[in-house]
Amino acid sequence: MPAPVLAPLVGAAAGAAAYRAVQGAAEGLAQGGFGAVLQRAVEGVLEVQRSADAAATRALQGQGSVTEVVLAVSRAELALQTATTLRDRIVAAYQDVMRMPI
């Protein structure tokens, strides 16, 4: 029964996080370039992963709830899927550029 309740929360949180990421990326391009944006994105994914690990550790120690763990793991999974998709698209774009005739 909790799954239908959690799904909109995870979706809304993911949407808000994606919006903040796009805003941060636009600011990052103006300040540090594409490499800086990628660096911050990777750091963000790692931070989400660490947060999920910390939530799972707290739950195993009896200090956290299962709901917190499920939400943290869902966020981490979504962040990893997004990073993988972006990596695949960047590689595909690079390959397209390399195939262009000079």
PDB file of N, CA and C in Angstrom:
ATOM      1  N   MET A   1       0.803  -1.202   0.000  1.00  0.00           N
ATOM      2  CA  MET A   1       0.000   0.000   0.000  1.00  0.00           C
ATOM      3  C   MET A   1       0.849   1.272   0.000  1.00  0.00           C
ATOM      4  N   PRO A   2       2.018   1.331   0.653  1.00  0.00           N
ATOM      5  CA  PRO A   2       2.791   2.560   0.648  1.00  0.00           C
ATOM      6  C   PRO A   2       3.392   2.900  -0.714  1.00  0.00           C
ATOM      7  N   ALA A   3       3.570   1.927  -1.595  1.00  0.00           N
ATOM      8  CA  ALA A   3       4.205   2.199  -2.879  1.00  0.00           C
ATOM      9  C   ALA A   3       3.477   3.269  -3.684  1.00  0.00           C
ATOM     10  N   PRO A   4       2.110   3.241  -3.803  1.00  0.00           N
ATOM     11  CA  PRO A   4       1.444   4.302  -4.552  1.00  0.00           C
ATOM     12  C   PRO A   4       1.638   5.678  -3.909  1.00  0.00           C
ATOM     13  N   VAL A   5       1.773   5.719  -2.610  1.00  0.00           N
ATOM     14  CA  VAL A   5       1.976   6.998  -1.933  1.00  0.00           C
ATOM     15  C   VAL A   5       3.389   7.507  -2.189  1.00  0.00           C
ATOM     16  N   LEU A   6       4.377   6.615  -2.221  1.00  0.00           N
ATOM     17  CA  LEU A   6       5.766   7.017  -2.402  1.00  0.00           C
ATOM     18  C   LEU A   6       6.072   7.419  -3.837  1.00  0.00           C
ATOM     19  N   ALA A   7       5.400   6.819  -4.798  1.00  0.00           N
ATOM     20  CA  ALA A   7       5.710   7.086  -6.195  1.00  0.00           C
ATOM     21  C   ALA A   7       5.571   8.565  -6.557  1.00  0.00           C
ATOM     22  N   PRO A   8       4.466   9.253  -6.193  1.00  0.00           N
ATOM     23  CA  PRO A   8       4.387  10.676  -6.517  1.00  0.00           C
ATOM     24  C   PRO A   8       5.443  11.504  -5.786  1.00  0.00           C
ATOM     25  N   LEU A   9       5.773  11.105  -4.560  1.00  0.00           N
ATOM     26  CA  LEU A   9       6.785  11.850  -3.818  1.00  0.00           C
ATOM     27  C   LEU A   9       8.139  11.749  -4.490  1.00  0.00           C
ATOM     28  N   VAL A  10       8.499  10.547  -4.913  1.00  0.00           N
ATOM     29  CA  VAL A  10       9.775  10.359  -5.588  1.00  0.00           C
ATOM     30  C   VAL A  10       9.759  11.105  -6.916  1.00  0.00           C
ATOM     31  N   GLY A  11       8.649  11.044  -7.650  1.00  0.00           N
ATOM     32  CA  GLY A  11       8.545  11.744  -8.927  1.00  0.00           C
ATOM     33  C   GLY A  11       8.627  13.251  -8.770  1.00  0.00           C
ATOM     34  N   ALA A  12       7.944  13.803  -7.775  1.00  0.00           N
ATOM     35  CA  ALA A  12       7.981  15.243  -7.541  1.00  0.00           C
ATOM     36  C   ALA A  12       9.371  15.682  -7.092  1.00  0.00           C
ATOM     37  N   ALA A  13       9.982  14.904  -6.224  1.00  0.00           N
ATOM     38  CA  ALA A  13      11.335  15.239  -5.759  1.00  0.00           C
ATOM     39  C   ALA A  13      12.323  15.154  -6.908  1.00  0.00           C
ATOM     40  N   ALA A  14      12.171  14.156  -7.745  1.00  0.00           N
ATOM     41  CA  ALA A  14      13.070  14.007  -8.895  1.00  0.00           C
ATOM     42  C   ALA A  14      12.881  15.158  -9.876  1.00  0.00           C
ATOM     43  N   GLY A  15      11.648  15.573 -10.077  1.00  0.00           N
ATOM     44  CA  GLY A  15      11.381  16.703 -10.969  1.00  0.00           C
ATOM     45  C   GLY A  15      11.995  17.993 -10.449  1.00  0.00           C
ATOM     46  N   ALA A  16      11.854  18.216  -9.151  1.00  0.00           N
ATOM     47  CA  ALA A  16      12.447  19.412  -8.545  1.00  0.00           C
ATOM     48  C   ALA A  16      13.966  19.363  -8.619  1.00  0.00           C
ATOM     49  N   ALA A  17      14.536  18.185  -8.375  1.00  0.00           N
ATOM     50  CA  ALA A  17      15.993  18.038  -8.447  1.00  0.00           C
ATOM     51  C   ALA A  17      16.488  18.256  -9.870  1.00  0.00           C
ATOM     52  N   ALA A  18      15.744  17.758 -10.851  1.00  0.00           N
ATOM     53  CA  ALA A  18      16.141  17.948 -12.249  1.00  0.00           C
ATOM     54  C   ALA A  18      16.088  19.422 -12.623  1.00  0.00           C
ATOM     55  N   TYR A  19      15.067  20.125 -12.144  1.00  0.00           N
ATOM     56  CA  TYR A  19      14.959  21.563 -12.425  1.00  0.00           C
ATOM     57  C   TYR A  19      16.139  22.320 -11.822  1.00  0.00           C
ATOM     58  N   ARG A  20      16.475  21.987 -10.565  1.00  0.00           N
ATOM     59  CA  ARG A  20      17.622  22.642  -9.922  1.00  0.00           C
ATOM     60  C   ARG A  20      18.919  22.307 -10.659  1.00  0.00           C
ATOM     61  N   ALA A  21      19.030  21.087 -11.144  1.00  0.00           N
ATOM     62  CA  ALA A  21      20.242  20.685 -11.868  1.00  0.00           C
ATOM     63  C   ALA A  21      20.387  21.461 -13.170  1.00  0.00           C
ATOM     64  N   VAL A  22      19.282  21.663 -13.876  1.00  0.00           N
ATOM     65  CA  VAL A  22      19.332  22.418 -15.129  1.00  0.00           C
ATOM     66  C   VAL A  22      19.703  23.865 -14.849  1.00  0.00           C
ATOM     67  N   GLN A  23      19.116  24.432 -13.801  1.00  0.00           N
ATOM     68  CA  GLN A  23      19.460  25.806 -13.441  1.00  0.00           C
ATOM     69  C   GLN A  23      20.931  25.909 -13.081  1.00  0.00           C
ATOM     70  N   GLY A  24      21.426  24.954 -12.304  1.00  0.00           N
ATOM     71  CA  GLY A  24      22.836  24.952 -11.922  1.00  0.00           C
ATOM     72  C   GLY A  24      23.744  24.752 -13.119  1.00  0.00           C
ATOM     73  N   ALA A  25      23.308  23.935 -14.061  1.00  0.00           N
ATOM     74  CA  ALA A  25      24.116  23.699 -15.264  1.00  0.00           C
ATOM     75  C   ALA A  25      24.231  24.963 -16.092  1.00  0.00           C
ATOM     76  N   ALA A  26      23.133  25.697 -16.227  1.00  0.00           N
ATOM     77  CA  ALA A  26      23.178  26.941 -16.995  1.00  0.00           C
ATOM     78  C   ALA A  26      24.123  27.940 -16.339  1.00  0.00           C
ATOM     79  N   GLU A  27      24.066  28.039 -15.025  1.00  0.00           N
ATOM     80  CA  GLU A  27      24.970  28.941 -14.312  1.00  0.00           C
ATOM     81  C   GLU A  27      26.409  28.447 -14.431  1.00  0.00           C
ATOM     82  N   GLY A  28      26.604  27.142 -14.371  1.00  0.00           N
ATOM     83  CA  GLY A  28      27.941  26.568 -14.457  1.00  0.00           C
ATOM     84  C   GLY A  28      28.583  26.798 -15.812  1.00  0.00           C
ATOM     85  N   LEU A  29      27.792  26.726 -16.881  1.00  0.00           N
ATOM     86  CA  LEU A  29      28.342  26.978 -18.211  1.00  0.00           C
ATOM     87  C   LEU A  29      28.831  28.419 -18.325  1.00  0.00           C
ATOM     88  N   ALA A  30      28.104  29.317 -17.681  1.00  0.00           N
ATOM     89  CA  ALA A  30      28.513  30.719 -17.729  1.00  0.00           C
ATOM     90  C   ALA A  30      29.773  30.949 -16.888  1.00  0.00           C
ATOM     91  N   GLN A  31      29.963  30.164 -15.831  1.00  0.00           N
ATOM     92  CA  GLN A  31      31.071  30.398 -14.914  1.00  0.00           C
ATOM     93  C   GLN A  31      32.288  29.534 -15.207  1.00  0.00           C
ATOM     94  N   GLY A  32      32.126  28.247 -15.353  1.00  0.00           N
ATOM     95  CA  GLY A  32      33.302  27.394 -15.427  1.00  0.00           C
ATOM     96  C   GLY A  32      33.407  26.532 -16.660  1.00  0.00           C
ATOM     97  N   GLY A  33      32.439  26.556 -17.522  1.00  0.00           N
ATOM     98  CA  GLY A  33      32.497  25.755 -18.726  1.00  0.00           C
ATOM     99  C   GLY A  33      31.878  24.384 -18.557  1.00  0.00           C
ATOM    100  N   PHE A  34      31.925  23.626 -19.646  1.00  0.00           N
ATOM    101  CA  PHE A  34      31.278  22.321 -19.693  1.00  0.00           C
ATOM    102  C   PHE A  34      31.919  21.322 -18.738  1.00  0.00           C
ATOM    103  N   GLY A  35      33.233  21.365 -18.621  1.00  0.00           N
ATOM    104  CA  GLY A  35      33.931  20.446 -17.715  1.00  0.00           C
ATOM    105  C   GLY A  35      33.523  20.647 -16.276  1.00  0.00           C
ATOM    106  N   ALA A  36      33.333  21.899 -15.879  1.00  0.00           N
ATOM    107  CA  ALA A  36      32.915  22.198 -14.511  1.00  0.00           C
ATOM    108  C   ALA A  36      31.499  21.690 -14.246  1.00  0.00           C
ATOM    109  N   VAL A  37      30.648  21.794 -15.259  1.00  0.00           N
ATOM    110  CA  VAL A  37      29.277  21.288 -15.112  1.00  0.00           C
ATOM    111  C   VAL A  37      29.298  19.775 -14.931  1.00  0.00           C
ATOM    112  N   LEU A  38      30.101  19.086 -15.732  1.00  0.00           N
ATOM    113  CA  LEU A  38      30.198  17.635 -15.603  1.00  0.00           C
ATOM    114  C   LEU A  38      30.768  17.243 -14.247  1.00  0.00           C
ATOM    115  N   GLN A  39      31.768  17.965 -13.779  1.00  0.00           N
ATOM    116  CA  GLN A  39      32.363  17.678 -12.477  1.00  0.00           C
ATOM    117  C   GLN A  39      31.330  17.804 -11.360  1.00  0.00           C
ATOM    118  N   ARG A  40      30.543  18.876 -11.396  1.00  0.00           N
ATOM    119  CA  ARG A  40      29.516  19.062 -10.359  1.00  0.00           C
ATOM    120  C   ARG A  40      28.430  17.992 -10.462  1.00  0.00           C
ATOM    121  N   ALA A  41      28.093  17.585 -11.690  1.00  0.00           N
ATOM    122  CA  ALA A  41      27.072  16.546 -11.860  1.00  0.00           C
ATOM    123  C   ALA A  41      27.544  15.221 -11.269  1.00  0.00           C
ATOM    124  N   VAL A  42      28.796  14.871 -11.517  1.00  0.00           N
ATOM    125  CA  VAL A  42      29.338  13.628 -10.962  1.00  0.00           C
ATOM    126  C   VAL A  42      29.388  13.707  -9.439  1.00  0.00           C
ATOM    127  N   GLU A  43      29.800  14.851  -8.920  1.00  0.00           N
ATOM    128  CA  GLU A  43      29.834  15.025  -7.466  1.00  0.00           C
ATOM    129  C   GLU A  43      28.433  14.915  -6.874  1.00  0.00           C
ATOM    130  N   GLY A  44      27.431  15.432  -7.585  1.00  0.00           N
ATOM    131  CA  GLY A  44      26.054  15.324  -7.119  1.00  0.00           C
ATOM    132  C   GLY A  44      25.574  13.883  -7.064  1.00  0.00           C
ATOM    133  N   VAL A  45      25.907  13.121  -8.092  1.00  0.00           N
ATOM    134  CA  VAL A  45      25.531  11.701  -8.113  1.00  0.00           C
ATOM    135  C   VAL A  45      26.203  10.961  -6.963  1.00  0.00           C
ATOM    136  N   LEU A  46      27.476  11.251  -6.742  1.00  0.00           N
ATOM    137  CA  LEU A  46      28.186  10.598  -5.638  1.00  0.00           C
ATOM    138  C   LEU A  46      27.592  10.965  -4.292  1.00  0.00           C
ATOM    139  N   GLU A  47      27.180  12.217  -4.140  1.00  0.00           N
ATOM    140  CA  GLU A  47      26.574  12.649  -2.881  1.00  0.00           C
ATOM    141  C   GLU A  47      25.244  11.933  -2.635  1.00  0.00           C
ATOM    142  N   VAL A  48      24.453  11.759  -3.683  1.00  0.00           N
ATOM    143  CA  VAL A  48      23.179  11.040  -3.551  1.00  0.00           C
ATOM    144  C   VAL A  48      23.443   9.584  -3.167  1.00  0.00           C
ATOM    145  N   GLN A  49      24.472   8.984  -3.764  1.00  0.00           N
ATOM    146  CA  GLN A  49      24.829   7.603  -3.429  1.00  0.00           C
ATOM    147  C   GLN A  49      25.267   7.499  -1.969  1.00  0.00           C
ATOM    148  N   ARG A  50      26.071   8.447  -1.524  1.00  0.00           N
ATOM    149  CA  ARG A  50      26.507   8.437  -0.116  1.00  0.00           C
ATOM    150  C   ARG A  50      25.323   8.611   0.828  1.00  0.00           C
ATOM    151  N   SER A  51      24.383   9.459   0.445  1.00  0.00           N
ATOM    152  CA  SER A  51      23.185   9.672   1.257  1.00  0.00           C
ATOM    153  C   SER A  51      22.379   8.381   1.379  1.00  0.00           C
ATOM    154  N   ALA A  52      22.255   7.645   0.282  1.00  0.00           N
ATOM    155  CA  ALA A  52      21.535   6.373   0.320  1.00  0.00           C
ATOM    156  C   ALA A  52      22.255   5.364   1.213  1.00  0.00           C
ATOM    157  N   ASP A  53      23.580   5.331   1.119  1.00  0.00           N
ATOM    158  CA  ASP A  53      24.354   4.430   1.977  1.00  0.00           C
ATOM    159  C   ASP A  53      24.184   4.794   3.452  1.00  0.00           C
ATOM    160  N   ALA A  54      24.206   6.090   3.744  1.00  0.00           N
ATOM    161  CA  ALA A  54      24.045   6.536   5.129  1.00  0.00           C
ATOM    162  C   ALA A  54      22.649   6.194   5.659  1.00  0.00           C
ATOM    163  N   ALA A  55      21.628   6.362   4.821  1.00  0.00           N
ATOM    164  CA  ALA A  55      20.265   6.029   5.244  1.00  0.00           C
ATOM    165  C   ALA A  55      20.137   4.535   5.517  1.00  0.00           C
ATOM    166  N   ALA A  56      20.744   3.716   4.672  1.00  0.00           N
ATOM    167  CA  ALA A  56      20.688   2.264   4.885  1.00  0.00           C
ATOM    168  C   ALA A  56      21.432   1.882   6.163  1.00  0.00           C
ATOM    169  N   THR A  57      22.564   2.516   6.413  1.00  0.00           N
ATOM    170  CA  THR A  57      23.325   2.232   7.633  1.00  0.00           C
ATOM    171  C   THR A  57      22.538   2.616   8.873  1.00  0.00           C
ATOM    172  N   ARG A  58      21.901   3.802   8.825  1.00  0.00           N
ATOM    173  CA  ARG A  58      21.074   4.226   9.969  1.00  0.00           C
ATOM    174  C   ARG A  58      19.936   3.252  10.221  1.00  0.00           C
ATOM    175  N   ALA A  59      19.314   2.765   9.140  1.00  0.00           N
ATOM    176  CA  ALA A  59      18.199   1.828   9.291  1.00  0.00           C
ATOM    177  C   ALA A  59      18.687   0.509   9.889  1.00  0.00           C
ATOM    178  N   LEU A  60      19.858   0.049   9.459  1.00  0.00           N
ATOM    179  CA  LEU A  60      20.391  -1.196  10.008  1.00  0.00           C
ATOM    180  C   LEU A  60      20.732  -1.058  11.484  1.00  0.00           C
ATOM    181  N   GLN A  61      21.081   0.148  11.899  1.00  0.00           N
ATOM    182  CA  GLN A  61      21.400   0.394  13.307  1.00  0.00           C
ATOM    183  C   GLN A  61      20.154   0.691  14.135  1.00  0.00           C
ATOM    184  N   GLY A  62      18.994   0.715  13.471  1.00  0.00           N
ATOM    185  CA  GLY A  62      17.749   0.963  14.175  1.00  0.00           C
ATOM    186  C   GLY A  62      17.452   2.434  14.387  1.00  0.00           C
ATOM    187  N   GLN A  63      18.164   3.316  13.707  1.00  0.00           N
ATOM    188  CA  GLN A  63      17.976   4.747  13.895  1.00  0.00           C
ATOM    189  C   GLN A  63      17.177   5.388  12.760  1.00  0.00           C
ATOM    190  N   GLY A  64      16.889   4.668  11.731  1.00  0.00           N
ATOM    191  CA  GLY A  64      16.160   5.215  10.595  1.00  0.00           C
ATOM    192  C   GLY A  64      14.984   4.336  10.243  1.00  0.00           C
ATOM    193  N   SER A  65      14.145   4.850   9.354  1.00  0.00           N
ATOM    194  CA  SER A  65      12.963   4.085   8.954  1.00  0.00           C
ATOM    195  C   SER A  65      13.178   3.480   7.564  1.00  0.00           C
ATOM    196  N   VAL A  66      12.367   2.509   7.272  1.00  0.00           N
ATOM    197  CA  VAL A  66      12.429   1.847   5.971  1.00  0.00           C
ATOM    198  C   VAL A  66      12.021   2.830   4.876  1.00  0.00           C
ATOM    199  N   THR A  67      11.095   3.718   5.172  1.00  0.00           N
ATOM    200  CA  THR A  67      10.648   4.704   4.197  1.00  0.00           C
ATOM    201  C   THR A  67      11.798   5.598   3.761  1.00  0.00           C
ATOM    202  N   GLU A  68      12.609   6.037   4.722  1.00  0.00           N
ATOM    203  CA  GLU A  68      13.767   6.869   4.385  1.00  0.00           C
ATOM    204  C   GLU A  68      14.741   6.118   3.481  1.00  0.00           C
ATOM    205  N   VAL A  69      14.937   4.852   3.769  1.00  0.00           N
ATOM    206  CA  VAL A  69      15.857   4.044   2.962  1.00  0.00           C
ATOM    207  C   VAL A  69      15.316   3.891   1.544  1.00  0.00           C
ATOM    208  N   VAL A  70      14.033   3.602   1.423  1.00  0.00           N
ATOM    209  CA  VAL A  70      13.431   3.410   0.102  1.00  0.00           C
ATOM    210  C   VAL A  70      13.530   4.697  -0.708  1.00  0.00           C
ATOM    211  N   LEU A  71      13.238   5.836  -0.091  1.00  0.00           N
ATOM    212  CA  LEU A  71      13.331   7.105  -0.801  1.00  0.00           C
ATOM    213  C   LEU A  71      14.772   7.420  -1.201  1.00  0.00           C
ATOM    214  N   ALA A  72      15.705   7.195  -0.303  1.00  0.00           N
ATOM    215  CA  ALA A  72      17.115   7.479  -0.602  1.00  0.00           C
ATOM    216  C   ALA A  72      17.638   6.566  -1.712  1.00  0.00           C
ATOM    217  N   VAL A  73      17.273   5.305  -1.667  1.00  0.00           N
ATOM    218  CA  VAL A  73      17.717   4.369  -2.701  1.00  0.00           C
ATOM    219  C   VAL A  73      17.059   4.705  -4.043  1.00  0.00           C
ATOM    220  N   SER A  74      15.801   5.114  -4.011  1.00  0.00           N
ATOM    221  CA  SER A  74      15.121   5.511  -5.250  1.00  0.00           C
ATOM    222  C   SER A  74      15.794   6.727  -5.866  1.00  0.00           C
ATOM    223  N   ARG A  75      16.151   7.706  -5.042  1.00  0.00           N
ATOM    224  CA  ARG A  75      16.860   8.887  -5.545  1.00  0.00           C
ATOM    225  C   ARG A  75      18.217   8.491  -6.136  1.00  0.00           C
ATOM    226  N   ALA A  76      18.919   7.607  -5.443  1.00  0.00           N
ATOM    227  CA  ALA A  76      20.233   7.176  -5.923  1.00  0.00           C
ATOM    228  C   ALA A  76      20.104   6.423  -7.247  1.00  0.00           C
ATOM    229  N   GLU A  77      19.101   5.580  -7.345  1.00  0.00           N
ATOM    230  CA  GLU A  77      18.889   4.829  -8.578  1.00  0.00           C
ATOM    231  C   GLU A  77      18.558   5.766  -9.737  1.00  0.00           C
ATOM    232  N   LEU A  78      17.699   6.743  -9.487  1.00  0.00           N
ATOM    233  CA  LEU A  78      17.341   7.708 -10.516  1.00  0.00           C
ATOM    234  C   LEU A  78      18.557   8.533 -10.936  1.00  0.00           C
ATOM    235  N   ALA A  79      19.369   8.948  -9.983  1.00  0.00           N
ATOM    236  CA  ALA A  79      20.573   9.720 -10.305  1.00  0.00           C
ATOM    237  C   ALA A  79      21.539   8.899 -11.141  1.00  0.00           C
ATOM    238  N   LEU A  80      21.699   7.639 -10.808  1.00  0.00           N
ATOM    239  CA  LEU A  80      22.603   6.773 -11.571  1.00  0.00           C
ATOM    240  C   LEU A  80      22.079   6.531 -12.982  1.00  0.00           C
ATOM    241  N   GLN A  81      20.782   6.316 -13.115  1.00  0.00           N
ATOM    242  CA  GLN A  81      20.198   6.128 -14.439  1.00  0.00           C
ATOM    243  C   GLN A  81      20.360   7.380 -15.290  1.00  0.00           C
ATOM    244  N   THR A  82      20.155   8.540 -14.676  1.00  0.00           N
ATOM    245  CA  THR A  82      20.309   9.802 -15.396  1.00  0.00           C
ATOM    246  C   THR A  82      21.754   9.993 -15.835  1.00  0.00           C
ATOM    247  N   ALA A  83      22.695   9.724 -14.933  1.00  0.00           N
ATOM    248  CA  ALA A  83      24.110   9.864 -15.279  1.00  0.00           C
ATOM    249  C   ALA A  83      24.497   8.915 -16.403  1.00  0.00           C
ATOM    250  N   THR A  84      23.993   7.698 -16.370  1.00  0.00           N
ATOM    251  CA  THR A  84      24.289   6.725 -17.416  1.00  0.00           C
ATOM    252  C   THR A  84      23.709   7.170 -18.757  1.00  0.00           C
ATOM    253  N   THR A  85      22.488   7.683 -18.745  1.00  0.00           N
ATOM    254  CA  THR A  85      21.860   8.165 -19.971  1.00  0.00           C
ATOM    255  C   THR A  85      22.634   9.340 -20.550  1.00  0.00           C
ATOM    256  N   LEU A  86      23.039  10.270 -19.688  1.00  0.00           N
ATOM    257  CA  LEU A  86      23.814  11.416 -20.162  1.00  0.00           C
ATOM    258  C   LEU A  86      25.158  10.976 -20.730  1.00  0.00           C
ATOM    259  N   ARG A  87      25.800  10.037 -20.060  1.00  0.00           N
ATOM    260  CA  ARG A  87      27.077   9.525 -20.568  1.00  0.00           C
ATOM    261  C   ARG A  87      26.902   8.923 -21.956  1.00  0.00           C
ATOM    262  N   ASP A  88      25.852   8.124 -22.125  1.00  0.00           N
ATOM    263  CA  ASP A  88      25.607   7.490 -23.417  1.00  0.00           C
ATOM    264  C   ASP A  88      25.358   8.531 -24.512  1.00  0.00           C
ATOM    265  N   ARG A  89      24.626   9.583 -24.167  1.00  0.00           N
ATOM    266  CA  ARG A  89      24.335  10.619 -25.162  1.00  0.00           C
ATOM    267  C   ARG A  89      25.579  11.434 -25.501  1.00  0.00           C
ATOM    268  N   ILE A  90      26.407  11.697 -24.510  1.00  0.00           N
ATOM    269  CA  ILE A  90      27.654  12.433 -24.770  1.00  0.00           C
ATOM    270  C   ILE A  90      28.566  11.615 -25.667  1.00  0.00           C
ATOM    271  N   VAL A  91      28.671  10.330 -25.397  1.00  0.00           N
ATOM    272  CA  VAL A  91      29.504   9.459 -26.237  1.00  0.00           C
ATOM    273  C   VAL A  91      28.946   9.396 -27.653  1.00  0.00           C
ATOM    274  N   ALA A  92      27.641   9.286 -27.791  1.00  0.00           N
ATOM    275  CA  ALA A  92      27.029   9.246 -29.119  1.00  0.00           C
ATOM    276  C   ALA A  92      27.263  10.557 -29.865  1.00  0.00           C
ATOM    277  N   ALA A  93      27.149  11.680 -29.173  1.00  0.00           N
ATOM    278  CA  ALA A  93      27.399  12.971 -29.816  1.00  0.00           C
ATOM    279  C   ALA A  93      28.854  13.080 -30.253  1.00  0.00           C
ATOM    280  N   TYR A  94      29.765  12.638 -29.424  1.00  0.00           N
ATOM    281  CA  TYR A  94      31.184  12.655 -29.778  1.00  0.00           C
ATOM    282  C   TYR A  94      31.446  11.799 -31.010  1.00  0.00           C
ATOM    283  N   GLN A  95      30.838  10.621 -31.048  1.00  0.00           N
ATOM    284  CA  GLN A  95      31.021   9.739 -32.192  1.00  0.00           C
ATOM    285  C   GLN A  95      30.442  10.361 -33.463  1.00  0.00           C
ATOM    286  N   ASP A  96      29.302  11.046 -33.351  1.00  0.00           N
ATOM    287  CA  ASP A  96      28.725  11.727 -34.503  1.00  0.00           C
ATOM    288  C   ASP A  96      29.656  12.816 -35.024  1.00  0.00           C
ATOM    289  N   VAL A  97      30.242  13.573 -34.107  1.00  0.00           N
ATOM    290  CA  VAL A  97      31.166  14.634 -34.519  1.00  0.00           C
ATOM    291  C   VAL A  97      32.393  14.026 -35.194  1.00  0.00           C
ATOM    292  N   MET A  98      32.878  12.933 -34.656  1.00  0.00           N
ATOM    293  CA  MET A  98      34.076  12.308 -35.234  1.00  0.00           C
ATOM    294  C   MET A  98      33.796  11.718 -36.622  1.00  0.00           C
ATOM    295  N   ARG A  99      32.566  11.359 -36.922  1.00  0.00           N
ATOM    296  CA  ARG A  99      32.218  10.795 -38.226  1.00  0.00           C
ATOM    297  C   ARG A  99      31.974  11.877 -39.288  1.00  0.00           C
ATOM    298  N   MET A 100      31.891  13.137 -38.870  1.00  0.00           N
ATOM    299  CA  MET A 100      31.615  14.209 -39.831  1.00  0.00           C
ATOM    300  C   MET A 100      32.798  14.385 -40.781  1.00  0.00           C
ATOM    301  N   PRO A 101      32.479  14.572 -42.049  1.00  0.00           N
ATOM    302  CA  PRO A 101      33.574  14.811 -43.001  1.00  0.00           C
ATOM    303  C   PRO A 101      34.147  16.212 -42.789  1.00  0.00           C
ATOM    304  N   ILE A 102      35.424  16.315 -43.039  1.00  0.00           N
ATOM    305  CA  ILE A 102      36.089  17.620 -42.865  1.00  0.00           C
ATOM    306  C   ILE A 102      36.043  18.402 -44.151  1.00  0.00           C
TER     307      ILE A 102
END
